[in-house]
Amino acid sequence: MTQTRINRPEDIDRINTFYARLKDFDNHTLVDAYNTEKRVVGVHAQTLYLIAMNEAFLDRFGKSPVSINEEQQVSISGPIYYIDHLQTFDWFNKN
């Protein structure tokens, strides 16, 4: 499922708050936090959290399991795992 972002005045502050918390996570905790998001359920707060998570992953790893397309639709790509010796993550069941 995807969720389309609908802009609200307070969104930037909420995204920044989520991001501030996520950037303090270590790599394992960030991956675990992502893996708790089993699916996109259509709640606005989850969409903002996933946008912040996307930024945290891009800043840390240069890639993200969260996708945001040109229509501002947010989706997740399934479970991931952390690879210690490479300091990156990969997807389970990558097709």
N, C-alpha and C. Protein backbone atom coordinates (compact mmCIF):
# COMPACT_ATOMS: atom_id res chain seq x y z
N MET A 1 0.84 -1.18 0.00
CA MET A 1 0.00 0.00 0.00
C MET A 1 0.89 1.24 0.00
N THR A 2 0.42 2.25 -0.63
CA THR A 2 1.10 3.54 -0.60
C THR A 2 0.19 4.55 0.09
N GLN A 3 0.78 5.60 0.56
CA GLN A 3 0.03 6.69 1.17
C GLN A 3 0.48 7.98 0.51
N THR A 4 -0.46 8.77 0.04
CA THR A 4 -0.14 10.05 -0.57
C THR A 4 -0.03 11.11 0.52
N ARG A 5 1.06 11.86 0.46
CA ARG A 5 1.27 12.92 1.45
C ARG A 5 0.37 14.10 1.12
N ILE A 6 -0.35 14.55 2.11
CA ILE A 6 -1.17 15.75 2.02
C ILE A 6 -0.51 16.78 2.93
N ASN A 7 -0.12 17.91 2.37
CA ASN A 7 0.60 18.92 3.14
C ASN A 7 -0.31 19.64 4.12
N ARG A 8 0.19 19.73 5.34
CA ARG A 8 -0.46 20.50 6.39
C ARG A 8 0.58 21.45 6.96
N PRO A 9 0.16 22.58 7.51
CA PRO A 9 1.12 23.57 8.00
C PRO A 9 2.14 23.02 9.02
N GLU A 10 1.72 22.12 9.87
CA GLU A 10 2.60 21.61 10.92
C GLU A 10 3.49 20.44 10.48
N ASP A 11 3.38 20.02 9.23
CA ASP A 11 4.10 18.83 8.78
C ASP A 11 5.62 18.95 8.90
N ILE A 12 6.19 20.06 8.52
CA ILE A 12 7.65 20.21 8.56
C ILE A 12 8.17 20.05 9.98
N ASP A 13 7.49 20.66 10.94
CA ASP A 13 7.91 20.52 12.34
C ASP A 13 7.83 19.07 12.80
N ARG A 14 6.78 18.38 12.42
CA ARG A 14 6.63 16.98 12.84
C ARG A 14 7.68 16.10 12.17
N ILE A 15 7.95 16.33 10.89
CA ILE A 15 9.00 15.57 10.20
C ILE A 15 10.35 15.83 10.87
N ASN A 16 10.64 17.08 11.18
CA ASN A 16 11.91 17.42 11.84
C ASN A 16 12.03 16.77 13.21
N THR A 17 10.93 16.69 13.94
CA THR A 17 10.94 16.04 15.25
C THR A 17 11.23 14.55 15.10
N PHE A 18 10.56 13.90 14.16
CA PHE A 18 10.82 12.48 13.90
C PHE A 18 12.28 12.28 13.48
N TYR A 19 12.76 13.13 12.58
CA TYR A 19 14.13 13.00 12.07
C TYR A 19 15.15 13.16 13.20
N ALA A 20 14.95 14.11 14.08
CA ALA A 20 15.88 14.34 15.19
C ALA A 20 16.01 13.09 16.05
N ARG A 21 14.91 12.40 16.26
CA ARG A 21 14.95 11.16 17.05
C ARG A 21 15.65 10.05 16.27
N LEU A 22 15.31 9.91 14.99
CA LEU A 22 15.87 8.82 14.18
C LEU A 22 17.37 8.98 13.96
N LYS A 23 17.86 10.19 13.81
CA LYS A 23 19.29 10.39 13.53
C LYS A 23 20.15 10.00 14.71
N ASP A 24 19.57 9.95 15.91
CA ASP A 24 20.31 9.53 17.10
C ASP A 24 20.36 8.01 17.26
N PHE A 25 19.58 7.28 16.48
CA PHE A 25 19.60 5.82 16.55
C PHE A 25 20.91 5.30 15.98
N ASP A 26 21.42 4.21 16.56
CA ASP A 26 22.55 3.54 15.91
C ASP A 26 22.01 2.78 14.70
N ASN A 27 22.89 2.23 13.89
CA ASN A 27 22.48 1.59 12.64
C ASN A 27 21.50 0.44 12.87
N HIS A 28 21.78 -0.40 13.86
CA HIS A 28 20.89 -1.54 14.14
C HIS A 28 19.51 -1.05 14.57
N THR A 29 19.46 -0.05 15.41
CA THR A 29 18.19 0.46 15.90
C THR A 29 17.38 1.11 14.78
N LEU A 30 18.05 1.80 13.88
CA LEU A 30 17.36 2.40 12.74
C LEU A 30 16.75 1.32 11.85
N VAL A 31 17.51 0.28 11.57
CA VAL A 31 16.99 -0.84 10.77
C VAL A 31 15.83 -1.50 11.49
N ASP A 32 15.97 -1.73 12.79
CA ASP A 32 14.87 -2.34 13.56
C ASP A 32 13.62 -1.46 13.55
N ALA A 33 13.81 -0.14 13.67
CA ALA A 33 12.67 0.78 13.64
C ALA A 33 11.94 0.68 12.30
N TYR A 34 12.70 0.61 11.21
CA TYR A 34 12.07 0.44 9.90
C TYR A 34 11.30 -0.87 9.84
N ASN A 35 11.91 -1.95 10.31
CA ASN A 35 11.28 -3.27 10.21
C ASN A 35 10.01 -3.39 11.04
N THR A 36 9.80 -2.50 12.00
CA THR A 36 8.54 -2.53 12.75
C THR A 36 7.38 -2.00 11.91
N GLU A 37 7.70 -1.26 10.86
CA GLU A 37 6.66 -0.74 9.96
C GLU A 37 6.30 -1.84 8.96
N LYS A 38 5.34 -2.65 9.30
CA LYS A 38 4.97 -3.81 8.47
C LYS A 38 4.28 -3.41 7.17
N ARG A 39 3.53 -2.33 7.23
CA ARG A 39 2.82 -1.86 6.03
C ARG A 39 2.42 -0.41 6.25
N VAL A 40 2.13 0.26 5.16
CA VAL A 40 1.62 1.63 5.23
C VAL A 40 0.12 1.53 5.44
N VAL A 41 -0.35 2.12 6.53
CA VAL A 41 -1.76 1.96 6.90
C VAL A 41 -2.63 3.16 6.56
N GLY A 42 -2.04 4.22 6.01
CA GLY A 42 -2.83 5.36 5.58
C GLY A 42 -3.04 6.43 6.63
N VAL A 43 -2.26 6.38 7.71
CA VAL A 43 -2.35 7.39 8.76
C VAL A 43 -1.35 8.50 8.45
N HIS A 44 -1.78 9.74 8.53
CA HIS A 44 -0.94 10.88 8.18
C HIS A 44 0.36 10.91 9.00
N ALA A 45 0.27 10.64 10.30
CA ALA A 45 1.46 10.65 11.15
C ALA A 45 2.48 9.61 10.70
N GLN A 46 2.01 8.45 10.27
CA GLN A 46 2.93 7.42 9.78
C GLN A 46 3.63 7.91 8.51
N THR A 47 2.90 8.57 7.64
CA THR A 47 3.50 9.10 6.42
C THR A 47 4.62 10.08 6.76
N LEU A 48 4.41 10.96 7.71
CA LEU A 48 5.44 11.92 8.11
C LEU A 48 6.63 11.20 8.73
N TYR A 49 6.38 10.18 9.54
CA TYR A 49 7.44 9.38 10.14
C TYR A 49 8.27 8.70 9.06
N LEU A 50 7.61 8.14 8.05
CA LEU A 50 8.33 7.46 6.97
C LEU A 50 9.13 8.44 6.12
N ILE A 51 8.63 9.65 5.95
CA ILE A 51 9.39 10.68 5.23
C ILE A 51 10.67 11.00 6.01
N ALA A 52 10.55 11.16 7.32
CA ALA A 52 11.73 11.41 8.16
C ALA A 52 12.67 10.21 8.12
N MET A 53 12.12 9.01 8.15
CA MET A 53 12.93 7.80 8.10
C MET A 53 13.67 7.71 6.77
N ASN A 54 13.01 8.07 5.68
CA ASN A 54 13.65 8.08 4.37
C ASN A 54 14.88 8.99 4.40
N GLU A 55 14.74 10.17 4.96
CA GLU A 55 15.86 11.11 5.04
C GLU A 55 16.98 10.56 5.92
N ALA A 56 16.62 9.93 7.04
CA ALA A 56 17.63 9.36 7.93
C ALA A 56 18.42 8.26 7.22
N PHE A 57 17.74 7.40 6.49
CA PHE A 57 18.42 6.34 5.74
C PHE A 57 19.29 6.92 4.64
N LEU A 58 18.78 7.87 3.89
CA LEU A 58 19.58 8.47 2.82
C LEU A 58 20.83 9.16 3.37
N ASP A 59 20.68 9.88 4.47
CA ASP A 59 21.83 10.55 5.08
C ASP A 59 22.86 9.55 5.59
N ARG A 60 22.39 8.46 6.16
CA ARG A 60 23.30 7.50 6.77
C ARG A 60 23.89 6.52 5.78
N PHE A 61 23.07 5.99 4.87
CA PHE A 61 23.50 4.89 4.00
C PHE A 61 23.56 5.26 2.51
N GLY A 62 22.98 6.38 2.14
CA GLY A 62 22.93 6.75 0.73
C GLY A 62 21.86 6.02 -0.05
N LYS A 63 21.03 5.26 0.65
CA LYS A 63 19.89 4.55 0.05
C LYS A 63 18.84 4.38 1.13
N SER A 64 17.62 4.08 0.71
CA SER A 64 16.53 3.98 1.68
C SER A 64 15.54 2.90 1.26
N PRO A 65 14.98 2.18 2.25
CA PRO A 65 13.92 1.22 1.95
C PRO A 65 12.55 1.89 1.83
N VAL A 66 12.51 3.19 2.08
CA VAL A 66 11.28 3.97 1.94
C VAL A 66 11.33 4.67 0.59
N SER A 67 10.25 4.61 -0.16
CA SER A 67 10.18 5.27 -1.46
C SER A 67 9.17 6.39 -1.43
N ILE A 68 9.53 7.49 -2.07
CA ILE A 68 8.61 8.62 -2.23
C ILE A 68 8.67 8.99 -3.70
N ASN A 69 7.56 8.81 -4.40
CA ASN A 69 7.58 9.09 -5.84
C ASN A 69 7.20 10.54 -6.13
N GLU A 70 7.16 10.89 -7.40
CA GLU A 70 6.91 12.27 -7.81
C GLU A 70 5.51 12.77 -7.42
N GLU A 71 4.58 11.86 -7.18
CA GLU A 71 3.24 12.26 -6.71
C GLU A 71 3.17 12.33 -5.19
N GLN A 72 4.34 12.25 -4.53
CA GLN A 72 4.43 12.28 -3.07
C GLN A 72 3.76 11.08 -2.42
N GLN A 73 3.74 9.94 -3.12
CA GLN A 73 3.23 8.71 -2.54
C GLN A 73 4.37 8.01 -1.82
N VAL A 74 4.13 7.63 -0.59
CA VAL A 74 5.14 7.01 0.26
C VAL A 74 4.85 5.52 0.36
N SER A 75 5.89 4.69 0.19
CA SER A 75 5.73 3.25 0.32
C SER A 75 6.98 2.65 0.95
N ILE A 76 6.84 1.45 1.48
CA ILE A 76 7.98 0.73 2.04
C ILE A 76 8.20 -0.53 1.22
N SER A 77 9.43 -1.04 1.29
CA SER A 77 9.81 -2.10 0.36
C SER A 77 10.05 -3.45 1.01
N GLY A 78 9.55 -3.67 2.19
CA GLY A 78 9.72 -4.97 2.83
C GLY A 78 10.89 -4.98 3.80
N PRO A 79 11.04 -6.09 4.53
CA PRO A 79 12.05 -6.16 5.58
C PRO A 79 13.48 -6.06 5.07
N ILE A 80 14.34 -5.49 5.91
CA ILE A 80 15.75 -5.33 5.59
C ILE A 80 16.58 -5.89 6.74
N TYR A 81 17.87 -6.06 6.50
CA TYR A 81 18.79 -6.49 7.55
C TYR A 81 20.07 -5.68 7.45
N TYR A 82 20.74 -5.53 8.59
CA TYR A 82 21.97 -4.75 8.67
C TYR A 82 23.17 -5.66 8.47
N ILE A 83 24.15 -5.20 7.70
CA ILE A 83 25.37 -5.95 7.44
C ILE A 83 26.51 -5.21 8.15
N ASP A 84 26.92 -5.74 9.30
CA ASP A 84 27.91 -5.06 10.15
C ASP A 84 29.20 -4.72 9.42
N HIS A 85 29.82 -5.70 8.80
CA HIS A 85 31.15 -5.47 8.23
C HIS A 85 31.13 -4.50 7.04
N LEU A 86 29.99 -4.31 6.43
CA LEU A 86 29.86 -3.35 5.33
C LEU A 86 29.23 -2.03 5.78
N GLN A 87 28.71 -2.01 6.99
CA GLN A 87 28.00 -0.85 7.54
C GLN A 87 26.93 -0.33 6.59
N THR A 88 26.11 -1.27 6.14
CA THR A 88 24.99 -0.93 5.26
C THR A 88 23.86 -1.91 5.52
N PHE A 89 22.81 -1.83 4.75
CA PHE A 89 21.70 -2.76 4.88
C PHE A 89 21.37 -3.32 3.50
N ASP A 90 20.62 -4.40 3.51
CA ASP A 90 20.11 -4.98 2.27
C ASP A 90 18.72 -5.52 2.55
N TRP A 91 18.03 -5.90 1.50
CA TRP A 91 16.67 -6.39 1.61
C TRP A 91 16.64 -7.90 1.70
N PHE A 92 15.74 -8.44 2.53
CA PHE A 92 15.43 -9.85 2.49
C PHE A 92 14.60 -10.09 1.23
N ASN A 93 14.70 -11.27 0.67
CA ASN A 93 13.88 -11.64 -0.49
C ASN A 93 13.93 -10.61 -1.60
N LYS A 94 15.12 -10.14 -1.89
CA LYS A 94 15.30 -9.15 -2.96
C LYS A 94 15.02 -9.82 -4.31
N ASN A 95 14.14 -9.24 -5.09
CA ASN A 95 13.82 -9.80 -6.42
C ASN A 95 14.25 -8.87 -7.50
